[in-house]
Amino acid sequence: MASSKRLEWFDELPCSVIICDKKFKVLFMNDRAAEDHANDGGRALIGTDLMNCHPPDAQVKLRRVLTSGRPNVYTTQEMRKKKLIYQCQWKKGGRVGGVLQLVMELPRDVPHHES
């Protein structure tokens, strides 16, 4: 995994970033992810099993992302906030290193454009 200095810019992103290895051990959480998961331990989740934070059906989807290489993308709504979830493989040197999860809060009226 890259040094923490190389990942510092992730902390200022307006979305949640969580990175885990191939065994689903949490390697990195940006500031937003730590805030979003404060009730679950925040940064104390680094080094723990990401699967413990997901129900069984979501665990199946995360394993599928890791093995198939196809991202899992969906929207959800929690406490009147619409969110885009994007889970994908991350690679280093062409080899799969694990799973990256991005969670972005969406405005209620996100425009859709056709090109």
PDB file of N, CA and C in Angstrom:
ATOM      1  N   MET A   1       0.854  -1.178   0.000  1.00  0.00           N
ATOM      2  CA  MET A   1       0.000   0.000   0.000  1.00  0.00           C
ATOM      3  C   MET A   1       0.892   1.230   0.000  1.00  0.00           C
ATOM      4  N   ALA A   2       0.435   2.294  -0.602  1.00  0.00           N
ATOM      5  CA  ALA A   2       1.200   3.536  -0.664  1.00  0.00           C
ATOM      6  C   ALA A   2       1.409   4.109   0.728  1.00  0.00           C
ATOM      7  N   SER A   3       2.452   4.909   0.861  1.00  0.00           N
ATOM      8  CA  SER A   3       2.699   5.543   2.159  1.00  0.00           C
ATOM      9  C   SER A   3       1.561   6.485   2.505  1.00  0.00           C
ATOM     10  N   SER A   4       1.403   6.750   3.799  1.00  0.00           N
ATOM     11  CA  SER A   4       0.294   7.599   4.237  1.00  0.00           C
ATOM     12  C   SER A   4       0.397   9.002   3.652  1.00  0.00           C
ATOM     13  N   LYS A   5       1.613   9.517   3.436  1.00  0.00           N
ATOM     14  CA  LYS A   5       1.754  10.859   2.848  1.00  0.00           C
ATOM     15  C   LYS A   5       1.136  10.913   1.460  1.00  0.00           C
ATOM     16  N   ARG A   6       1.250   9.838   0.706  1.00  0.00           N
ATOM     17  CA  ARG A   6       0.689   9.812  -0.641  1.00  0.00           C
ATOM     18  C   ARG A   6      -0.833   9.743  -0.615  1.00  0.00           C
ATOM     19  N   LEU A   7      -1.423   9.358   0.510  1.00  0.00           N
ATOM     20  CA  LEU A   7      -2.878   9.241   0.610  1.00  0.00           C
ATOM     21  C   LEU A   7      -3.517  10.420   1.338  1.00  0.00           C
ATOM     22  N   GLU A   8      -2.711  11.358   1.826  1.00  0.00           N
ATOM     23  CA  GLU A   8      -3.260  12.476   2.608  1.00  0.00           C
ATOM     24  C   GLU A   8      -4.320  13.266   1.852  1.00  0.00           C
ATOM     25  N   TRP A   9      -4.174  13.409   0.543  1.00  0.00           N
ATOM     26  CA  TRP A   9      -5.150  14.206  -0.210  1.00  0.00           C
ATOM     27  C   TRP A   9      -6.535  13.569  -0.163  1.00  0.00           C
ATOM     28  N   PHE A  10      -6.620  12.260   0.086  1.00  0.00           N
ATOM     29  CA  PHE A  10      -7.917  11.605   0.230  1.00  0.00           C
ATOM     30  C   PHE A  10      -8.707  12.189   1.392  1.00  0.00           C
ATOM     31  N   ASP A  11      -8.005  12.662   2.428  1.00  0.00           N
ATOM     32  CA  ASP A  11      -8.690  13.143   3.626  1.00  0.00           C
ATOM     33  C   ASP A  11      -9.575  14.347   3.358  1.00  0.00           C
ATOM     34  N   GLU A  12      -9.249  15.130   2.347  1.00  0.00           N
ATOM     35  CA  GLU A  12     -10.035  16.332   2.069  1.00  0.00           C
ATOM     36  C   GLU A  12     -11.146  16.114   1.045  1.00  0.00           C
ATOM     37  N   LEU A  13     -11.282  14.902   0.553  1.00  0.00           N
ATOM     38  CA  LEU A  13     -12.365  14.623  -0.394  1.00  0.00           C
ATOM     39  C   LEU A  13     -13.714  14.717   0.313  1.00  0.00           C
ATOM     40  N   PRO A  14     -14.745  15.193  -0.391  1.00  0.00           N
ATOM     41  CA  PRO A  14     -16.076  15.289   0.212  1.00  0.00           C
ATOM     42  C   PRO A  14     -16.852  13.976   0.121  1.00  0.00           C
ATOM     43  N   CYS A  15     -16.124  12.854   0.108  1.00  0.00           N
ATOM     44  CA  CYS A  15     -16.766  11.543   0.080  1.00  0.00           C
ATOM     45  C   CYS A  15     -15.979  10.598   0.978  1.00  0.00           C
ATOM     46  N   SER A  16     -16.599   9.506   1.322  1.00  0.00           N
ATOM     47  CA  SER A  16     -15.986   8.488   2.177  1.00  0.00           C
ATOM     48  C   SER A  16     -15.144   7.558   1.315  1.00  0.00           C
ATOM     49  N   VAL A  17     -13.900   7.290   1.759  1.00  0.00           N
ATOM     50  CA  VAL A  17     -13.004   6.368   1.065  1.00  0.00           C
ATOM     51  C   VAL A  17     -12.515   5.323   2.070  1.00  0.00           C
ATOM     52  N   ILE A  18     -12.780   4.063   1.756  1.00  0.00           N
ATOM     53  CA  ILE A  18     -12.281   2.954   2.570  1.00  0.00           C
ATOM     54  C   ILE A  18     -11.561   1.989   1.635  1.00  0.00           C
ATOM     55  N   ILE A  19     -10.356   1.581   2.031  1.00  0.00           N
ATOM     56  CA  ILE A  19      -9.561   0.655   1.239  1.00  0.00           C
ATOM     57  C   ILE A  19      -9.256  -0.567   2.101  1.00  0.00           C
ATOM     58  N   CYS A  20      -9.488  -1.749   1.531  1.00  0.00           N
ATOM     59  CA  CYS A  20      -9.153  -2.981   2.249  1.00  0.00           C
ATOM     60  C   CYS A  20      -8.294  -3.869   1.359  1.00  0.00           C
ATOM     61  N   ASP A  21      -7.632  -4.851   1.983  1.00  0.00           N
ATOM     62  CA  ASP A  21      -6.812  -5.787   1.231  1.00  0.00           C
ATOM     63  C   ASP A  21      -7.665  -6.949   0.736  1.00  0.00           C
ATOM     64  N   LYS A  22      -7.027  -7.973   0.163  1.00  0.00           N
ATOM     65  CA  LYS A  22      -7.758  -9.106  -0.402  1.00  0.00           C
ATOM     66  C   LYS A  22      -8.428  -9.981   0.653  1.00  0.00           C
ATOM     67  N   LYS A  23      -8.033  -9.818   1.905  1.00  0.00           N
ATOM     68  CA  LYS A  23      -8.684 -10.558   2.994  1.00  0.00           C
ATOM     69  C   LYS A  23      -9.701  -9.670   3.704  1.00  0.00           C
ATOM     70  N   PHE A  24      -9.975  -8.497   3.119  1.00  0.00           N
ATOM     71  CA  PHE A  24     -10.956  -7.527   3.603  1.00  0.00           C
ATOM     72  C   PHE A  24     -10.546  -6.854   4.906  1.00  0.00           C
ATOM     73  N   LYS A  25      -9.245  -6.830   5.187  1.00  0.00           N
ATOM     74  CA  LYS A  25      -8.740  -6.084   6.334  1.00  0.00           C
ATOM     75  C   LYS A  25      -8.661  -4.609   5.928  1.00  0.00           C
ATOM     76  N   VAL A  26      -9.259  -3.738   6.722  1.00  0.00           N
ATOM     77  CA  VAL A  26      -9.275  -2.310   6.419  1.00  0.00           C
ATOM     78  C   VAL A  26      -7.848  -1.764   6.530  1.00  0.00           C
ATOM     79  N   LEU A  27      -7.378  -1.160   5.427  1.00  0.00           N
ATOM     80  CA  LEU A  27      -6.034  -0.586   5.374  1.00  0.00           C
ATOM     81  C   LEU A  27      -6.039   0.926   5.541  1.00  0.00           C
ATOM     82  N   PHE A  28      -7.130   1.564   5.087  1.00  0.00           N
ATOM     83  CA  PHE A  28      -7.184   3.027   5.072  1.00  0.00           C
ATOM     84  C   PHE A  28      -8.618   3.502   5.155  1.00  0.00           C
ATOM     85  N   MET A  29      -8.811   4.589   5.879  1.00  0.00           N
ATOM     86  CA  MET A  29     -10.081   5.317   5.906  1.00  0.00           C
ATOM     87  C   MET A  29      -9.723   6.793   5.849  1.00  0.00           C
ATOM     88  N   ASN A  30     -10.401   7.545   4.992  1.00  0.00           N
ATOM     89  CA  ASN A  30     -10.165   8.988   5.007  1.00  0.00           C
ATOM     90  C   ASN A  30     -10.980   9.628   6.128  1.00  0.00           C
ATOM     91  N   ASP A  31     -10.803  10.938   6.308  1.00  0.00           N
ATOM     92  CA  ASP A  31     -11.492  11.637   7.407  1.00  0.00           C
ATOM     93  C   ASP A  31     -13.004  11.460   7.338  1.00  0.00           C
ATOM     94  N   ARG A  32     -13.560  11.578   6.142  1.00  0.00           N
ATOM     95  CA  ARG A  32     -15.015  11.464   5.984  1.00  0.00           C
ATOM     96  C   ARG A  32     -15.508  10.075   6.375  1.00  0.00           C
ATOM     97  N   ALA A  33     -14.764   9.035   5.987  1.00  0.00           N
ATOM     98  CA  ALA A  33     -15.143   7.666   6.349  1.00  0.00           C
ATOM     99  C   ALA A  33     -15.082   7.480   7.860  1.00  0.00           C
ATOM    100  N   ALA A  34     -14.042   8.027   8.485  1.00  0.00           N
ATOM    101  CA  ALA A  34     -13.904   7.923   9.942  1.00  0.00           C
ATOM    102  C   ALA A  34     -15.072   8.627  10.634  1.00  0.00           C
ATOM    103  N   GLU A  35     -15.487   9.790  10.110  1.00  0.00           N
ATOM    104  CA  GLU A  35     -16.633  10.510  10.672  1.00  0.00           C
ATOM    105  C   GLU A  35     -17.923   9.721  10.474  1.00  0.00           C
ATOM    106  N   ASP A  36     -18.114   9.203   9.250  1.00  0.00           N
ATOM    107  CA  ASP A  36     -19.338   8.455   8.942  1.00  0.00           C
ATOM    108  C   ASP A  36     -19.468   7.193   9.798  1.00  0.00           C
ATOM    109  N   HIS A  37     -18.341   6.621  10.203  1.00  0.00           N
ATOM    110  CA  HIS A  37     -18.354   5.372  10.974  1.00  0.00           C
ATOM    111  C   HIS A  37     -17.895   5.591  12.417  1.00  0.00           C
ATOM    112  N   ALA A  38     -18.048   6.818  12.902  1.00  0.00           N
ATOM    113  CA  ALA A  38     -17.618   7.150  14.269  1.00  0.00           C
ATOM    114  C   ALA A  38     -18.311   6.274  15.310  1.00  0.00           C
ATOM    115  N   ASN A  39     -19.596   5.997  15.129  1.00  0.00           N
ATOM    116  CA  ASN A  39     -20.334   5.170  16.094  1.00  0.00           C
ATOM    117  C   ASN A  39     -19.856   3.722  16.114  1.00  0.00           C
ATOM    118  N   ASP A  40     -19.160   3.315  15.042  1.00  0.00           N
ATOM    119  CA  ASP A  40     -18.641   1.945  14.954  1.00  0.00           C
ATOM    120  C   ASP A  40     -17.167   1.878  15.354  1.00  0.00           C
ATOM    121  N   GLY A  41     -16.570   3.033  15.674  1.00  0.00           N
ATOM    122  CA  GLY A  41     -15.170   3.049  16.081  1.00  0.00           C
ATOM    123  C   GLY A  41     -14.289   3.979  15.266  1.00  0.00           C
ATOM    124  N   GLY A  42     -14.813   4.522  14.160  1.00  0.00           N
ATOM    125  CA  GLY A  42     -14.016   5.445  13.346  1.00  0.00           C
ATOM    126  C   GLY A  42     -12.721   4.804  12.885  1.00  0.00           C
ATOM    127  N   ARG A  43     -11.611   5.520  13.037  1.00  0.00           N
ATOM    128  CA  ARG A  43     -10.309   5.023  12.575  1.00  0.00           C
ATOM    129  C   ARG A  43      -9.860   3.757  13.307  1.00  0.00           C
ATOM    130  N   ALA A  44     -10.474   3.448  14.438  1.00  0.00           N
ATOM    131  CA  ALA A  44     -10.152   2.196  15.135  1.00  0.00           C
ATOM    132  C   ALA A  44     -10.536   0.979  14.288  1.00  0.00           C
ATOM    133  N   LEU A  45     -11.336   1.194  13.231  1.00  0.00           N
ATOM    134  CA  LEU A  45     -11.700   0.108  12.328  1.00  0.00           C
ATOM    135  C   LEU A  45     -10.542  -0.303  11.431  1.00  0.00           C
ATOM    136  N   ILE A  46      -9.533   0.555  11.292  1.00  0.00           N
ATOM    137  CA  ILE A  46      -8.361   0.200  10.490  1.00  0.00           C
ATOM    138  C   ILE A  46      -7.699  -1.014  11.138  1.00  0.00           C
ATOM    139  N   GLY A  47      -7.457  -2.019  10.314  1.00  0.00           N
ATOM    140  CA  GLY A  47      -6.879  -3.265  10.803  1.00  0.00           C
ATOM    141  C   GLY A  47      -7.911  -4.324  11.112  1.00  0.00           C
ATOM    142  N   THR A  48      -9.197  -3.955  11.069  1.00  0.00           N
ATOM    143  CA  THR A  48     -10.259  -4.913  11.351  1.00  0.00           C
ATOM    144  C   THR A  48     -10.844  -5.455  10.042  1.00  0.00           C
ATOM    145  N   ASP A  49     -11.710  -6.423  10.148  1.00  0.00           N
ATOM    146  CA  ASP A  49     -12.333  -7.085   9.008  1.00  0.00           C
ATOM    147  C   ASP A  49     -13.527  -6.265   8.516  1.00  0.00           C
ATOM    148  N   LEU A  50     -13.443  -5.775   7.280  1.00  0.00           N
ATOM    149  CA  LEU A  50     -14.527  -4.985   6.684  1.00  0.00           C
ATOM    150  C   LEU A  50     -15.835  -5.770   6.643  1.00  0.00           C
ATOM    151  N   MET A  51     -15.750  -7.070   6.535  1.00  0.00           N
ATOM    152  CA  MET A  51     -16.951  -7.898   6.462  1.00  0.00           C
ATOM    153  C   MET A  51     -17.796  -7.782   7.723  1.00  0.00           C
ATOM    154  N   ASN A  52     -17.170  -7.482   8.858  1.00  0.00           N
ATOM    155  CA  ASN A  52     -17.922  -7.334  10.109  1.00  0.00           C
ATOM    156  C   ASN A  52     -18.842  -6.119  10.077  1.00  0.00           C
ATOM    157  N   CYS A  53     -18.634  -5.223   9.118  1.00  0.00           N
ATOM    158  CA  CYS A  53     -19.446  -4.007   9.001  1.00  0.00           C
ATOM    159  C   CYS A  53     -20.583  -4.175   7.992  1.00  0.00           C
ATOM    160  N   HIS A  54     -20.707  -5.353   7.398  1.00  0.00           N
ATOM    161  CA  HIS A  54     -21.701  -5.568   6.350  1.00  0.00           C
ATOM    162  C   HIS A  54     -22.547  -6.805   6.650  1.00  0.00           C
ATOM    163  N   PRO A  55     -23.835  -6.751   6.266  1.00  0.00           N
ATOM    164  CA  PRO A  55     -24.694  -7.931   6.411  1.00  0.00           C
ATOM    165  C   PRO A  55     -24.286  -8.999   5.387  1.00  0.00           C
ATOM    166  N   PRO A  56     -24.746 -10.240   5.568  1.00  0.00           N
ATOM    167  CA  PRO A  56     -24.340 -11.345   4.694  1.00  0.00           C
ATOM    168  C   PRO A  56     -24.526 -11.089   3.199  1.00  0.00           C
ATOM    169  N   ASP A  57     -25.644 -10.480   2.792  1.00  0.00           N
ATOM    170  CA  ASP A  57     -25.849 -10.252   1.357  1.00  0.00           C
ATOM    171  C   ASP A  57     -24.825  -9.263   0.793  1.00  0.00           C
ATOM    172  N   ALA A  58     -24.429  -8.275   1.568  1.00  0.00           N
ATOM    173  CA  ALA A  58     -23.412  -7.322   1.131  1.00  0.00           C
ATOM    174  C   ALA A  58     -22.033  -7.978   1.105  1.00  0.00           C
ATOM    175  N   GLN A  59     -21.788  -8.910   2.013  1.00  0.00           N
ATOM    176  CA  GLN A  59     -20.514  -9.639   2.022  1.00  0.00           C
ATOM    177  C   GLN A  59     -20.344 -10.432   0.726  1.00  0.00           C
ATOM    178  N   VAL A  60     -21.431 -11.052   0.274  1.00  0.00           N
ATOM    179  CA  VAL A  60     -21.398 -11.799  -0.985  1.00  0.00           C
ATOM    180  C   VAL A  60     -21.026 -10.869  -2.134  1.00  0.00           C
ATOM    181  N   LYS A  61     -21.615  -9.673  -2.159  1.00  0.00           N
ATOM    182  CA  LYS A  61     -21.338  -8.711  -3.230  1.00  0.00           C
ATOM    183  C   LYS A  61     -19.896  -8.236  -3.190  1.00  0.00           C
ATOM    184  N   LEU A  62     -19.360  -7.988  -1.989  1.00  0.00           N
ATOM    185  CA  LEU A  62     -17.961  -7.561  -1.879  1.00  0.00           C
ATOM    186  C   LEU A  62     -17.012  -8.660  -2.365  1.00  0.00           C
ATOM    187  N   ARG A  63     -17.303  -9.903  -2.019  1.00  0.00           N
ATOM    188  CA  ARG A  63     -16.469 -11.017  -2.499  1.00  0.00           C
ATOM    189  C   ARG A  63     -16.532 -11.115  -4.022  1.00  0.00           C
ATOM    190  N   ARG A  64     -17.717 -10.877  -4.578  1.00  0.00           N
ATOM    191  CA  ARG A  64     -17.896 -10.932  -6.027  1.00  0.00           C
ATOM    192  C   ARG A  64     -17.080  -9.826  -6.706  1.00  0.00           C
ATOM    193  N   VAL A  65     -17.052  -8.631  -6.113  1.00  0.00           N
ATOM    194  CA  VAL A  65     -16.230  -7.531  -6.653  1.00  0.00           C
ATOM    195  C   VAL A  65     -14.775  -7.973  -6.713  1.00  0.00           C
ATOM    196  N   LEU A  66     -14.296  -8.569  -5.639  1.00  0.00           N
ATOM    197  CA  LEU A  66     -12.902  -8.982  -5.559  1.00  0.00           C
ATOM    198  C   LEU A  66     -12.574 -10.068  -6.581  1.00  0.00           C
ATOM    199  N   THR A  67     -13.444 -11.055  -6.735  1.00  0.00           N
ATOM    200  CA  THR A  67     -13.139 -12.180  -7.622  1.00  0.00           C
ATOM    201  C   THR A  67     -13.454 -11.915  -9.091  1.00  0.00           C
ATOM    202  N   SER A  68     -14.496 -11.127  -9.363  1.00  0.00           N
ATOM    203  CA  SER A  68     -14.910 -10.916 -10.756  1.00  0.00           C
ATOM    204  C   SER A  68     -14.254  -9.707 -11.405  1.00  0.00           C
ATOM    205  N   GLY A  69     -13.891  -8.726 -10.598  1.00  0.00           N
ATOM    206  CA  GLY A  69     -13.352  -7.488 -11.164  1.00  0.00           C
ATOM    207  C   GLY A  69     -14.426  -6.506 -11.599  1.00  0.00           C
ATOM    208  N   ARG A  70     -15.692  -6.911 -11.493  1.00  0.00           N
ATOM    209  CA  ARG A  70     -16.790  -6.003 -11.846  1.00  0.00           C
ATOM    210  C   ARG A  70     -17.169  -5.181 -10.623  1.00  0.00           C
ATOM    211  N   PRO A  71     -17.298  -3.867 -10.787  1.00  0.00           N
ATOM    212  CA  PRO A  71     -17.682  -3.034  -9.633  1.00  0.00           C
ATOM    213  C   PRO A  71     -19.125  -3.273  -9.208  1.00  0.00           C
ATOM    214  N   ASN A  72     -19.398  -2.965  -7.963  1.00  0.00           N
ATOM    215  CA  ASN A  72     -20.751  -2.987  -7.414  1.00  0.00           C
ATOM    216  C   ASN A  72     -21.140  -1.524  -7.209  1.00  0.00           C
ATOM    217  N   VAL A  73     -22.138  -1.072  -7.937  1.00  0.00           N
ATOM    218  CA  VAL A  73     -22.532   0.336  -7.912  1.00  0.00           C
ATOM    219  C   VAL A  73     -24.032   0.424  -7.663  1.00  0.00           C
ATOM    220  N   TYR A  74     -24.407   1.261  -6.692  1.00  0.00           N
ATOM    221  CA  TYR A  74     -25.834   1.434  -6.394  1.00  0.00           C
ATOM    222  C   TYR A  74     -26.043   2.730  -5.612  1.00  0.00           C
ATOM    223  N   THR A  75     -27.289   3.127  -5.506  1.00  0.00           N
ATOM    224  CA  THR A  75     -27.640   4.267  -4.656  1.00  0.00           C
ATOM    225  C   THR A  75     -28.460   3.746  -3.492  1.00  0.00           C
ATOM    226  N   THR A  76     -28.442   4.497  -2.417  1.00  0.00           N
ATOM    227  CA  THR A  76     -29.200   4.157  -1.222  1.00  0.00           C
ATOM    228  C   THR A  76     -29.647   5.450  -0.559  1.00  0.00           C
ATOM    229  N   GLN A  77     -30.560   5.345   0.350  1.00  0.00           N
ATOM    230  CA  GLN A  77     -31.010   6.526   1.075  1.00  0.00           C
ATOM    231  C   GLN A  77     -31.018   6.217   2.559  1.00  0.00           C
ATOM    232  N   GLU A  78     -30.318   7.035   3.340  1.00  0.00           N
ATOM    233  CA  GLU A  78     -30.256   6.891   4.795  1.00  0.00           C
ATOM    234  C   GLU A  78     -30.574   8.244   5.404  1.00  0.00           C
ATOM    235  N   MET A  79     -31.523   8.267   6.308  1.00  0.00           N
ATOM    236  CA  MET A  79     -31.900   9.503   7.001  1.00  0.00           C
ATOM    237  C   MET A  79     -32.040  10.686   6.028  1.00  0.00           C
ATOM    238  N   ARG A  80     -32.832  10.459   4.989  1.00  0.00           N
ATOM    239  CA  ARG A  80     -33.152  11.486   3.990  1.00  0.00           C
ATOM    240  C   ARG A  80     -31.955  11.947   3.171  1.00  0.00           C
ATOM    241  N   LYS A  81     -30.852  11.214   3.213  1.00  0.00           N
ATOM    242  CA  LYS A  81     -29.675  11.536   2.407  1.00  0.00           C
ATOM    243  C   LYS A  81     -29.475  10.441   1.373  1.00  0.00           C
ATOM    244  N   LYS A  82     -29.463  10.856   0.098  1.00  0.00           N
ATOM    245  CA  LYS A  82     -29.242   9.911  -0.982  1.00  0.00           C
ATOM    246  C   LYS A  82     -27.740   9.760  -1.190  1.00  0.00           C
ATOM    247  N   LYS A  83     -27.273   8.507  -1.338  1.00  0.00           N
ATOM    248  CA  LYS A  83     -25.844   8.254  -1.481  1.00  0.00           C
ATOM    249  C   LYS A  83     -25.576   7.329  -2.653  1.00  0.00           C
ATOM    250  N   LEU A  84     -24.442   7.556  -3.313  1.00  0.00           N
ATOM    251  CA  LEU A  84     -23.938   6.675  -4.352  1.00  0.00           C
ATOM    252  C   LEU A  84     -22.833   5.833  -3.727  1.00  0.00           C
ATOM    253  N   ILE A  85     -22.936   4.514  -3.871  1.00  0.00           N
ATOM    254  CA  ILE A  85     -21.931   3.590  -3.362  1.00  0.00           C
ATOM    255  C   ILE A  85     -21.228   2.993  -4.574  1.00  0.00           C
ATOM    256  N   TYR A  86     -19.897   3.040  -4.554  1.00  0.00           N
ATOM    257  CA  TYR A  86     -19.092   2.476  -5.648  1.00  0.00           C
ATOM    258  C   TYR A  86     -18.003   1.624  -5.023  1.00  0.00           C
ATOM    259  N   GLN A  87     -18.075   0.318  -5.278  1.00  0.00           N
ATOM    260  CA  GLN A  87     -17.088  -0.622  -4.750  1.00  0.00           C
ATOM    261  C   GLN A  87     -16.394  -1.296  -5.929  1.00  0.00           C
ATOM    262  N   CYS A  88     -15.065  -1.273  -5.921  1.00  0.00           N
ATOM    263  CA  CYS A  88     -14.304  -1.832  -7.034  1.00  0.00           C
ATOM    264  C   CYS A  88     -12.981  -2.403  -6.540  1.00  0.00           C
ATOM    265  N   GLN A  89     -12.349  -3.198  -7.403  1.00  0.00           N
ATOM    266  CA  GLN A  89     -11.002  -3.667  -7.110  1.00  0.00           C
ATOM    267  C   GLN A  89     -10.033  -2.496  -7.185  1.00  0.00           C
ATOM    268  N   TRP A  90      -8.950  -2.569  -6.416  1.00  0.00           N
ATOM    269  CA  TRP A  90      -7.812  -1.683  -6.645  1.00  0.00           C
ATOM    270  C   TRP A  90      -6.632  -2.589  -6.958  1.00  0.00           C
ATOM    271  N   LYS A  91      -5.741  -2.066  -7.786  1.00  0.00           N
ATOM    272  CA  LYS A  91      -4.594  -2.860  -8.216  1.00  0.00           C
ATOM    273  C   LYS A  91      -3.302  -2.083  -8.007  1.00  0.00           C
ATOM    274  N   LYS A  92      -2.244  -2.833  -7.861  1.00  0.00           N
ATOM    275  CA  LYS A  92      -0.901  -2.261  -7.795  1.00  0.00           C
ATOM    276  C   LYS A  92      -0.009  -3.157  -8.645  1.00  0.00           C
ATOM    277  N   GLY A  93       0.656  -2.555  -9.617  1.00  0.00           N
ATOM    278  CA  GLY A  93       1.506  -3.343 -10.497  1.00  0.00           C
ATOM    279  C   GLY A  93       0.727  -4.385 -11.276  1.00  0.00           C
ATOM    280  N   GLY A  94      -0.550  -4.105 -11.563  1.00  0.00           N
ATOM    281  CA  GLY A  94      -1.383  -5.032 -12.320  1.00  0.00           C
ATOM    282  C   GLY A  94      -1.979  -6.154 -11.498  1.00  0.00           C
ATOM    283  N   ARG A  95      -1.635  -6.235 -10.224  1.00  0.00           N
ATOM    284  CA  ARG A  95      -2.171  -7.284  -9.352  1.00  0.00           C
ATOM    285  C   ARG A  95      -3.240  -6.723  -8.430  1.00  0.00           C
ATOM    286  N   VAL A  96      -4.311  -7.485  -8.265  1.00  0.00           N
ATOM    287  CA  VAL A  96      -5.402  -7.063  -7.384  1.00  0.00           C
ATOM    288  C   VAL A  96      -4.881  -6.990  -5.956  1.00  0.00           C
ATOM    289  N   GLY A  97      -5.142  -5.839  -5.317  1.00  0.00           N
ATOM    290  CA  GLY A  97      -4.713  -5.638  -3.937  1.00  0.00           C
ATOM    291  C   GLY A  97      -5.846  -5.739  -2.943  1.00  0.00           C
ATOM    292  N   GLY A  98      -7.078  -5.544  -3.422  1.00  0.00           N
ATOM    293  CA  GLY A  98      -8.229  -5.566  -2.536  1.00  0.00           C
ATOM    294  C   GLY A  98      -9.390  -4.792  -3.111  1.00  0.00           C
ATOM    295  N   VAL A  99     -10.181  -4.197  -2.231  1.00  0.00           N
ATOM    296  CA  VAL A  99     -11.395  -3.479  -2.632  1.00  0.00           C
ATOM    297  C   VAL A  99     -11.343  -2.041  -2.123  1.00  0.00           C
ATOM    298  N   LEU A 100     -11.792  -1.136  -2.971  1.00  0.00           N
ATOM    299  CA  LEU A 100     -11.928   0.287  -2.657  1.00  0.00           C
ATOM    300  C   LEU A 100     -13.417   0.591  -2.615  1.00  0.00           C
ATOM    301  N   GLN A 101     -13.857   1.287  -1.569  1.00  0.00           N
ATOM    302  CA  GLN A 101     -15.263   1.691  -1.461  1.00  0.00           C
ATOM    303  C   GLN A 101     -15.346   3.206  -1.357  1.00  0.00           C
ATOM    304  N   LEU A 102     -16.111   3.806  -2.262  1.00  0.00           N
ATOM    305  CA  LEU A 102     -16.395   5.238  -2.237  1.00  0.00           C
ATOM    306  C   LEU A 102     -17.869   5.426  -1.923  1.00  0.00           C
ATOM    307  N   VAL A 103     -18.167   6.357  -1.040  1.00  0.00           N
ATOM    308  CA  VAL A 103     -19.557   6.693  -0.726  1.00  0.00           C
ATOM    309  C   VAL A 103     -19.692   8.201  -0.878  1.00  0.00           C
ATOM    310  N   MET A 104     -20.560   8.617  -1.807  1.00  0.00           N
ATOM    311  CA  MET A 104     -20.761  10.036  -2.093  1.00  0.00           C
ATOM    312  C   MET A 104     -22.201  10.422  -1.806  1.00  0.00           C
ATOM    313  N   GLU A 105     -22.367  11.496  -1.049  1.00  0.00           N
ATOM    314  CA  GLU A 105     -23.702  12.015  -0.816  1.00  0.00           C
ATOM    315  C   GLU A 105     -24.148  12.758  -2.065  1.00  0.00           C
ATOM    316  N   LEU A 106     -25.370  12.488  -2.506  1.00  0.00           N
ATOM    317  CA  LEU A 106     -25.897  13.095  -3.727  1.00  0.00           C
ATOM    318  C   LEU A 106     -26.971  14.120  -3.397  1.00  0.00           C
ATOM    319  N   PRO A 107     -27.016  15.205  -4.171  1.00  0.00           N
ATOM    320  CA  PRO A 107     -28.130  16.144  -4.001  1.00  0.00           C
ATOM    321  C   PRO A 107     -29.438  15.434  -4.354  1.00  0.00           C
ATOM    322  N   ARG A 108     -30.526  15.895  -3.767  1.00  0.00           N
ATOM    323  CA  ARG A 108     -31.833  15.280  -4.032  1.00  0.00           C
ATOM    324  C   ARG A 108     -32.187  15.289  -5.518  1.00  0.00           C
ATOM    325  N   ASP A 109     -31.803  16.331  -6.201  1.00  0.00           N
ATOM    326  CA  ASP A 109     -32.197  16.502  -7.606  1.00  0.00           C
ATOM    327  C   ASP A 109     -30.990  16.412  -8.535  1.00  0.00           C
ATOM    328  N   VAL A 110     -30.280  15.296  -8.492  1.00  0.00           N
ATOM    329  CA  VAL A 110     -29.115  15.102  -9.351  1.00  0.00           C
ATOM    330  C   VAL A 110     -29.591  15.099 -10.801  1.00  0.00           C
ATOM    331  N   PRO A 111     -29.037  15.996 -11.627  1.00  0.00           N
ATOM    332  CA  PRO A 111     -29.433  15.992 -13.034  1.00  0.00           C
ATOM    333  C   PRO A 111     -28.840  14.781 -13.758  1.00  0.00           C
ATOM    334  N   HIS A 112     -29.531  14.312 -14.747  1.00  0.00           N
ATOM    335  CA  HIS A 112     -29.049  13.217 -15.598  1.00  0.00           C
ATOM    336  C   HIS A 112     -28.945  13.758 -17.009  1.00  0.00           C
ATOM    337  N   HIS A 113     -27.779  13.609 -17.633  1.00  0.00           N
ATOM    338  CA  HIS A 113     -27.553  14.145 -18.979  1.00  0.00           C
ATOM    339  C   HIS A 113     -27.257  12.996 -19.932  1.00  0.00           C
ATOM    340  N   GLU A 114     -27.871  13.022 -21.064  1.00  0.00           N
ATOM    341  CA  GLU A 114     -27.589  12.078 -22.147  1.00  0.00           C
ATOM    342  C   GLU A 114     -26.670  12.765 -23.135  1.00  0.00           C
ATOM    343  N   SER A 115     -25.679  12.043 -23.599  1.00  0.00           N
ATOM    344  CA  SER A 115     -24.782  12.669 -24.601  1.00  0.00           C
ATOM    345  C   SER A 115     -24.995  12.066 -25.963  1.00  0.00           C
TER     346      SER A 115
END
